[in-house]
């Protein structure tokens, strides 16, 4: 096939597959497709730092029926892997995943890809192979690669502009220029997220990527965000935030736990912003519930022995409240925080702290700064706080 362009070569291989409907010929097409567009499978999202994002091939230039064939093949892979964790099948499923990522890197293709049944099949495969990590009955590197591809595919579907990734870099974005919508969240994704963490044996890299996926879903669209913010997913985040610090001869595990908690905080901040903007009938979780459990964890940390990293996490949790207040409807959030006992919790934190010297001063300054932010510019919050104090002094009945 010398002298053929990349596109012509792809169609040549597709025609050979179509003529024989042979798995080997399909593998040739898939491998050629991967090789032609391999730069678009960017699991580390390095293209964001390059300042531009190249698009994948438009569906109008793809061979007819390619998505249907991929869907059928993933279904067959899921059926096969349910019987045994065959590496050849997993590799083939990973190759198809790369093709789907390439295709979704064109915004126009997202609705079409989302309308197929890919998510159902790949969640089925991912759930099966993840269960093999603990008993090591399948190669862990191959499993991790497949799951990484699945997670990245979800980011491409539900946050095609990578708003979450850009936001945590501190980049500003003009949403008016984002004319394409993300896919609607598939029903399999939230249980998949919960189950992954519920298993408790995921490698650090996969946990980080899953948290990024969660953040991406929240940032991609308000509608999807309200679907993914559930009591179960909140429980996952809070459980990771409250996890005991790790001790050992090396700092690696402690550093990993610190990175996870830092990313969890970013997710919770985004979660509070989303819920606070939503109407009551849209919410599955209330801000007051989030803050109540959040403060419990913060106070619990004060009662436990602390190392330097745990102190940093405690200060980060306090500082995160300032970031929560950087939202459109700040005043209502201020009232929720005051009436929910956030103020009293901070006073208790200052009274109970075992930190001394510069660390104690840093804690005090952080707490006072947040307390000021909670009350700043909100007459309602100040009145609520005043009534709360008077109520505590004059009557056991809670007034606010």
Protein backbone atom coordinates (compact mmCIF):
# COMPACT_ATOMS: atom_id res chain seq x y z
CA UNK A 1 0.00 0.00 0.00
CA UNK A 2 2.91 2.29 -0.68
CA UNK A 3 2.03 5.76 -1.88
CA UNK A 4 -1.32 5.83 -0.08
CA UNK A 5 -2.11 8.70 2.27
CA UNK A 6 -2.88 7.90 5.91
CA UNK A 7 -6.61 8.27 5.28
CA UNK A 8 -6.49 6.11 2.15
CA UNK A 9 -4.50 3.48 4.00
CA UNK A 10 -7.11 3.40 6.76
CA UNK A 11 -9.95 2.94 4.29
CA UNK A 12 -7.99 0.24 2.48
CA UNK A 13 -7.65 -1.71 5.72
CA UNK A 14 -11.31 -1.13 6.55
CA UNK A 15 -12.36 -2.50 3.16
CA UNK A 16 -10.25 -5.61 3.76
CA UNK A 17 -11.99 -6.11 7.09
CA UNK A 18 -15.44 -5.47 5.62
CA UNK A 19 -14.84 -8.03 2.88
CA UNK A 20 -13.95 -10.84 5.30
CA UNK A 21 -15.39 -9.64 8.64
CA UNK A 22 -12.21 -11.02 10.15
CA UNK A 23 -10.95 -10.08 13.65
CA UNK A 24 -7.35 -10.03 12.46
CA UNK A 25 -8.18 -7.60 9.65
CA UNK A 26 -10.06 -5.41 12.12
CA UNK A 27 -7.00 -5.43 14.38
CA UNK A 28 -4.94 -4.20 11.41
CA UNK A 29 -7.35 -1.30 10.93
CA UNK A 30 -7.38 -0.48 14.66
CA UNK A 31 -3.58 -0.52 14.84
CA UNK A 32 -3.32 1.72 11.79
CA UNK A 33 -5.90 4.12 13.26
CA UNK A 34 -3.95 4.25 16.53
CA UNK A 35 -0.67 4.88 14.76
CA UNK A 36 -2.13 7.63 12.56
CA UNK A 37 -3.63 9.59 15.47
CA UNK A 38 -1.55 8.39 18.43
CA UNK A 39 -0.66 11.97 19.43
CA UNK A 40 -4.33 12.52 20.36
CA UNK A 41 -4.25 9.85 23.07
CA UNK A 42 -2.81 12.20 25.68
CA UNK A 43 -3.38 10.57 29.06
CA UNK A 44 -1.23 13.17 30.84
CA UNK A 45 -2.93 16.06 28.99
CA UNK A 46 0.39 17.58 27.96
CA UNK A 47 -1.38 19.31 25.06
CA UNK A 48 -2.92 21.73 27.56
CA UNK A 49 0.52 23.12 28.36
CA UNK A 50 1.22 23.49 24.64
CA UNK A 51 -1.60 26.03 24.42
CA UNK A 52 -3.61 24.34 21.70
CA UNK A 53 -5.78 21.28 21.25
CA UNK A 54 -5.73 19.42 17.96
CA UNK A 55 -9.01 17.81 16.96
CA UNK A 56 -9.56 14.20 16.08
CA UNK A 57 -11.04 13.08 12.75
CA UNK A 58 -14.65 14.17 12.15
CA UNK A 59 -17.21 11.36 12.02
CA UNK A 60 -17.99 12.25 8.40
CA UNK A 61 -14.52 11.05 7.35
CA UNK A 62 -14.69 7.81 9.32
CA UNK A 63 -15.65 4.54 7.62
CA UNK A 64 -19.38 3.80 7.71
CA UNK A 65 -20.32 1.56 10.60
CA UNK A 66 -17.03 1.86 12.48
CA UNK A 67 -18.71 2.84 15.77
CA UNK A 68 -21.16 -0.04 15.53
CA UNK A 69 -18.28 -2.45 14.95
CA UNK A 70 -16.37 -1.05 17.93
CA UNK A 71 -19.49 -1.40 20.09
CA UNK A 72 -19.96 -5.02 19.06
CA UNK A 73 -16.31 -5.81 19.70
CA UNK A 74 -16.37 -4.24 23.17
CA UNK A 75 -19.48 -6.25 24.00
CA UNK A 76 -17.70 -9.43 22.93
CA UNK A 77 -14.64 -8.42 24.95
CA UNK A 78 -16.79 -7.88 28.05
CA UNK A 79 -18.38 -11.30 27.62
CA UNK A 80 -14.98 -12.94 27.14
CA UNK A 81 -13.30 -11.20 30.09
CA UNK A 82 -16.22 -12.13 32.32
CA UNK A 83 -15.19 -15.75 31.71
CA UNK A 84 -11.43 -15.28 32.05
CA UNK A 85 -8.99 -12.36 32.16
CA UNK A 86 -7.37 -13.01 28.80
CA UNK A 87 -4.57 -10.52 28.09
CA UNK A 88 -5.04 -10.59 24.31
CA UNK A 89 -8.69 -9.64 24.75
CA UNK A 90 -7.78 -6.90 27.22
CA UNK A 91 -5.14 -5.52 24.85
CA UNK A 92 -7.65 -5.45 22.00
CA UNK A 93 -10.21 -3.68 24.22
CA UNK A 94 -7.50 -1.14 25.15
CA UNK A 95 -6.78 -0.54 21.46
CA UNK A 96 -10.45 0.14 20.77
CA UNK A 97 -10.52 2.49 23.77
CA UNK A 98 -7.67 4.48 22.23
CA UNK A 99 -9.64 4.74 18.98
CA UNK A 100 -12.69 6.03 20.87
CA UNK A 101 -10.57 8.62 22.69
CA UNK A 102 -9.19 9.80 19.35
CA UNK A 103 -12.71 10.11 17.93
CA UNK A 104 -14.08 12.00 20.96
CA UNK A 105 -11.24 14.50 20.67
CA UNK A 106 -13.42 16.08 17.98
CA UNK A 107 -16.21 18.00 19.74
CA UNK A 108 -18.70 17.24 16.97
CA UNK A 109 -18.30 13.52 17.56
CA UNK A 110 -19.10 13.55 21.29
CA UNK A 111 -22.92 13.25 21.01
CA UNK A 112 -22.63 10.43 18.47
CA UNK A 113 -20.14 8.45 20.56
CA UNK A 114 -22.25 9.04 23.68
CA UNK A 115 -25.35 7.67 21.94
CA UNK A 116 -23.71 4.25 21.54
CA UNK A 117 -23.44 1.63 24.28
CA UNK A 118 -19.69 1.94 24.81
CA UNK A 119 -19.94 3.11 28.43
CA UNK A 120 -21.96 0.08 29.50
CA UNK A 121 -19.44 -2.35 28.03
CA UNK A 122 -16.25 -0.62 29.15
CA UNK A 123 -17.53 -0.18 32.71
CA UNK A 124 -18.32 -3.89 32.73
CA UNK A 125 -14.78 -4.73 31.58
CA UNK A 126 -13.15 -2.23 33.94
CA UNK A 127 -15.10 -3.48 36.95
CA UNK A 128 -14.05 -7.06 36.24
CA UNK A 129 -10.35 -6.36 35.73
CA UNK A 130 -10.13 -4.00 38.72
CA UNK A 131 -11.32 -6.87 40.89
CA UNK A 132 -8.28 -8.82 39.64
CA UNK A 133 -5.79 -6.28 41.04
CA UNK A 134 -5.98 -7.55 44.60
CA UNK A 135 -5.60 -11.25 43.82
CA UNK A 136 -3.05 -10.52 41.05
CA UNK A 137 -4.72 -13.00 38.72
CA UNK A 138 -4.08 -10.71 35.75
CA UNK A 139 -1.17 -8.45 34.79
CA UNK A 140 -1.56 -5.28 36.86
CA UNK A 141 0.14 -3.03 34.29
CA UNK A 142 -2.29 -4.09 31.56
CA UNK A 143 -5.23 -3.61 33.93
CA UNK A 144 -4.05 -0.16 34.96
CA UNK A 145 -3.54 0.90 31.35
CA UNK A 146 -7.06 -0.14 30.40
CA UNK A 147 -8.57 1.67 33.39
CA UNK A 148 -6.51 4.80 32.63
CA UNK A 149 -7.91 4.78 29.09
CA UNK A 150 -11.46 4.37 30.42
CA UNK A 151 -11.05 7.28 32.83
CA UNK A 152 -9.54 9.51 30.15
CA UNK A 153 -12.35 8.58 27.77
CA UNK A 154 -14.85 9.73 30.40
CA UNK A 155 -13.00 13.03 30.78
CA UNK A 156 -13.18 13.53 27.01
CA UNK A 157 -16.91 12.73 27.01
CA UNK A 158 -18.05 14.74 30.01
CA UNK A 159 -15.54 17.60 30.01
CA UNK A 160 -14.39 17.90 26.39
CA UNK A 161 -12.84 21.34 26.99
CA UNK A 162 -10.97 19.99 30.04
CA UNK A 163 -12.35 22.78 32.21
CA UNK A 164 -11.50 20.94 35.42
CA UNK A 165 -7.87 20.38 34.46
CA UNK A 166 -7.50 24.02 33.46
CA UNK A 167 -9.24 25.27 36.60
CA UNK A 168 -6.91 23.45 38.97
CA UNK A 169 -4.01 24.98 37.07
CA UNK A 170 -5.51 28.37 37.88
CA UNK A 171 -6.30 29.20 34.26
CA UNK A 172 -9.22 31.43 33.37
CA UNK A 173 -11.69 30.29 30.72
CA UNK A 174 -14.27 32.02 28.57
CA UNK A 175 -17.28 29.70 28.61
CA UNK A 176 -18.94 31.80 25.91
CA UNK A 177 -16.45 30.33 23.45
CA UNK A 178 -17.37 26.77 24.40
CA UNK A 179 -20.20 26.11 21.98
CA UNK A 180 -20.15 22.31 22.17
CA UNK A 181 -21.86 20.50 25.02
CA UNK A 182 -20.49 17.49 26.88
CA UNK A 183 -22.26 14.15 26.77
CA UNK A 184 -25.03 13.51 29.26
CA UNK A 185 -23.73 11.41 32.13
CA UNK A 186 -24.38 7.70 31.64
CA UNK A 187 -26.04 5.86 34.52
CA UNK A 188 -23.13 3.42 34.87
CA UNK A 189 -20.53 6.06 35.76
CA UNK A 190 -21.52 7.04 39.32
CA UNK A 191 -21.72 3.41 40.56
CA UNK A 192 -18.39 2.76 38.82
CA UNK A 193 -16.75 5.65 40.68
CA UNK A 194 -18.14 4.51 44.02
CA UNK A 195 -17.27 0.84 43.47
CA UNK A 196 -13.69 1.64 42.48
CA UNK A 197 -13.01 3.31 45.81
CA UNK A 198 -15.13 0.86 47.77
CA UNK A 199 -12.75 -1.94 46.77
CA UNK A 200 -9.96 -0.24 48.70
CA UNK A 201 -6.98 -1.64 46.76
CA UNK A 202 -6.56 0.74 43.82
CA UNK A 203 -3.05 1.97 42.99
CA UNK A 204 -2.36 5.61 43.81
CA UNK A 205 -2.27 6.70 40.15
CA UNK A 206 -5.74 5.32 39.45
CA UNK A 207 -7.21 6.98 42.53
CA UNK A 208 -5.82 10.33 41.43
CA UNK A 209 -7.20 9.87 37.91
CA UNK A 210 -10.63 8.88 39.24
CA UNK A 211 -10.74 12.04 41.33
CA UNK A 212 -9.83 14.07 38.25
CA UNK A 213 -12.64 12.29 36.39
CA UNK A 214 -15.07 13.22 39.16
CA UNK A 215 -13.96 16.85 39.02
CA UNK A 216 -14.24 16.84 35.23
CA UNK A 217 -17.84 15.62 35.37
CA UNK A 218 -18.71 18.40 37.83
CA UNK A 219 -17.07 21.07 35.68
CA UNK A 220 -18.33 19.84 32.32
CA UNK A 221 -21.97 20.74 32.93
CA UNK A 222 -24.24 21.66 35.83
CA UNK A 223 -26.69 18.93 34.84
CA UNK A 224 -24.05 16.20 35.02
CA UNK A 225 -22.61 17.67 38.19
CA UNK A 226 -25.94 17.33 39.99
CA UNK A 227 -26.12 13.69 38.90
CA UNK A 228 -22.64 12.83 40.16
CA UNK A 229 -22.98 14.65 43.50
CA UNK A 230 -24.78 12.06 45.59
CA UNK A 231 -24.64 10.97 49.24
CA UNK A 232 -22.55 7.98 48.10
CA UNK A 233 -19.94 10.02 46.21
CA UNK A 234 -19.78 12.57 49.04
CA UNK A 235 -19.11 9.67 51.40
CA UNK A 236 -16.23 8.54 49.18
CA UNK A 237 -14.62 11.99 49.28
CA UNK A 238 -15.07 12.47 53.02
CA UNK A 239 -13.71 9.00 53.75
CA UNK A 240 -10.53 9.82 51.83
CA UNK A 241 -10.25 13.20 53.53
CA UNK A 242 -10.55 11.65 56.99
CA UNK A 243 -8.18 8.75 56.27
CA UNK A 244 -5.55 8.26 58.96
CA UNK A 245 -2.09 9.51 58.21
CA UNK A 246 0.41 6.90 57.09
CA UNK A 247 3.58 6.18 59.03
CA UNK A 248 6.53 4.22 57.77
CA UNK A 249 10.20 4.26 56.88
CA UNK A 250 9.65 6.25 53.68
CA UNK A 251 7.75 9.41 52.83
CA UNK A 252 6.27 8.02 49.61
CA UNK A 253 2.99 6.73 51.08
CA UNK A 254 2.54 9.84 53.21
CA UNK A 255 3.13 12.04 50.17
CA UNK A 256 0.62 10.03 48.13
CA UNK A 257 -2.02 10.42 50.84
CA UNK A 258 -1.32 14.15 51.01
CA UNK A 259 -1.76 14.47 47.21
CA UNK A 260 -5.05 12.56 47.34
CA UNK A 261 -6.42 14.69 50.18
CA UNK A 262 -5.38 17.88 48.40
CA UNK A 263 -7.27 16.79 45.28
CA UNK A 264 -10.27 15.72 47.38
CA UNK A 265 -10.39 19.24 48.82
CA UNK A 266 -10.51 20.69 45.31
CA UNK A 267 -13.39 18.32 44.49
CA UNK A 268 -15.31 19.32 47.63
CA UNK A 269 -14.85 23.03 46.86
CA UNK A 270 -16.28 22.47 43.38
CA UNK A 271 -19.08 20.35 44.86
CA UNK A 272 -20.12 23.14 47.24
CA UNK A 273 -20.17 25.65 44.36
CA UNK A 274 -22.37 23.37 42.25
CA UNK A 275 -24.85 22.60 45.04
CA UNK A 276 -25.06 26.23 46.12
CA UNK A 277 -26.09 27.28 42.60
CA UNK A 278 -28.74 24.57 42.27
CA UNK A 279 -32.37 24.85 43.30
CA UNK A 280 -33.53 22.72 46.23
CA UNK A 281 -35.42 20.26 44.02
CA UNK A 282 -32.26 19.60 41.95
CA UNK A 283 -29.99 18.71 44.86
CA UNK A 284 -29.27 15.22 46.11
CA UNK A 285 -27.02 16.64 48.84
CA UNK A 286 -27.36 19.88 50.82
CA UNK A 287 -24.47 22.29 51.43
CA UNK A 288 -25.26 22.16 55.15
CA UNK A 289 -24.73 18.39 55.10
CA UNK A 290 -21.39 18.76 53.32
CA UNK A 291 -20.21 21.42 55.77
CA UNK A 292 -21.39 19.51 58.84
CA UNK A 293 -19.35 16.43 57.94
CA UNK A 294 -16.45 18.57 56.73
CA UNK A 295 -16.21 20.38 60.06
CA UNK A 296 -16.41 17.09 61.96
CA UNK A 297 -13.35 15.86 60.08
CA UNK A 298 -11.53 19.13 60.71
CA UNK A 299 -12.18 18.95 64.46
CA UNK A 300 -11.34 15.24 64.55
CA UNK A 301 -7.92 15.98 63.12
CA UNK A 302 -7.27 18.34 66.01
CA UNK A 303 -7.78 15.48 68.47
CA UNK A 304 -5.25 13.22 66.72
CA UNK A 305 -1.44 13.23 66.82
CA UNK A 306 -0.21 15.32 63.91
CA UNK A 307 2.86 15.30 61.74
CA UNK A 308 3.85 18.08 59.37
CA UNK A 309 1.72 16.82 56.48
CA UNK A 310 -1.40 16.44 58.64
CA UNK A 311 -0.89 20.01 59.85
CA UNK A 312 -0.68 21.14 56.22
CA UNK A 313 -3.92 19.27 55.44
CA UNK A 314 -5.65 20.89 58.41
CA UNK A 315 -4.56 24.34 57.24
CA UNK A 316 -5.60 23.46 53.68
CA UNK A 317 -9.05 22.43 54.94
CA UNK A 318 -9.41 25.78 56.69
CA UNK A 319 -8.20 27.66 53.61
CA UNK A 320 -10.56 25.68 51.39
CA UNK A 321 -13.51 27.36 53.11
CA UNK A 322 -12.28 30.67 51.72
CA UNK A 323 -12.33 29.11 48.26
CA UNK A 324 -15.83 27.75 48.85
CA UNK A 325 -16.93 31.34 49.50
CA UNK A 326 -15.56 32.44 46.11
CA UNK A 327 -18.87 31.75 44.41
CA UNK A 328 -21.76 33.63 42.80
CA UNK A 329 -24.19 33.35 45.72
CA UNK A 330 -21.72 34.00 48.53
CA UNK A 331 -24.24 35.49 50.97
CA UNK A 332 -26.42 32.38 51.16
CA UNK A 333 -23.35 30.23 51.72
CA UNK A 334 -22.21 32.55 54.51
CA UNK A 335 -25.55 32.15 56.30
CA UNK A 336 -25.41 28.36 55.91
CA UNK A 337 -21.93 28.28 57.42
CA UNK A 338 -22.81 30.49 60.37
CA UNK A 339 -26.12 28.81 61.16
CA UNK A 340 -24.52 25.39 60.71
CA UNK A 341 -22.01 25.94 63.49
CA UNK A 342 -18.92 26.65 61.40
CA UNK A 343 -18.08 29.65 63.56
CA UNK A 344 -18.33 27.68 66.79
CA UNK A 345 -16.19 24.95 65.29
CA UNK A 346 -13.42 27.41 64.52
CA UNK A 347 -13.51 28.81 68.04
CA UNK A 348 -13.28 25.28 69.38
CA UNK A 349 -10.39 24.61 67.02
CA UNK A 350 -8.45 27.56 68.40
CA UNK A 351 -9.16 26.54 71.98
CA UNK A 352 -8.17 22.89 71.52
CA UNK A 353 -5.15 23.20 69.25
CA UNK A 354 -1.93 21.61 70.43
CA UNK A 355 0.11 23.58 67.91
CA UNK A 356 2.52 26.12 69.34
CA UNK A 357 5.00 28.67 68.09
CA UNK A 358 4.90 29.58 64.41
CA UNK A 359 2.55 26.68 63.58
CA UNK A 360 0.08 27.85 66.21
CA UNK A 361 0.27 31.40 64.87
CA UNK A 362 -0.29 30.18 61.32
CA UNK A 363 -3.35 28.22 62.43
CA UNK A 364 -4.75 31.22 64.32
CA UNK A 365 -4.23 33.55 61.36
CA UNK A 366 -5.85 31.07 58.98
CA UNK A 367 -8.86 30.60 61.23
CA UNK A 368 -9.32 34.32 61.81
CA UNK A 369 -9.03 34.98 58.08
CA UNK A 370 -11.76 32.45 57.30
CA UNK A 371 -13.99 33.72 60.12
CA UNK A 372 -13.69 37.19 58.64
CA UNK A 373 -14.57 35.86 55.18
CA UNK A 374 -17.61 34.04 56.54
CA UNK A 375 -19.01 37.30 57.94
CA UNK A 376 -17.58 39.83 55.48
CA UNK A 377 -20.20 41.78 53.54
CA UNK A 378 -23.13 39.70 54.76
CA UNK A 379 -25.56 41.41 57.12
CA UNK A 380 -27.62 38.22 57.26
CA UNK A 381 -24.65 36.16 58.40
CA UNK A 382 -23.73 38.73 61.06
CA UNK A 383 -27.29 38.89 62.36
CA UNK A 384 -27.48 35.10 62.38
CA UNK A 385 -24.25 34.92 64.37
CA UNK A 386 -25.44 37.58 66.84
CA UNK A 387 -28.77 35.83 67.38
CA UNK A 388 -26.93 32.53 67.84
CA UNK A 389 -24.69 34.00 70.54
CA UNK A 390 -27.63 35.65 72.32
CA UNK A 391 -29.62 32.46 72.07
CA UNK A 392 -26.84 30.47 73.68
CA UNK A 393 -26.66 32.99 76.52
CA UNK A 394 -30.37 33.48 77.16
CA UNK A 395 -32.16 30.31 76.16
CA UNK A 396 -31.54 26.67 75.32
CA UNK A 397 -33.79 27.09 72.29
CA UNK A 398 -31.82 27.43 69.08
CA UNK A 399 -32.92 30.61 67.31
CA UNK A 400 -30.88 30.41 64.09
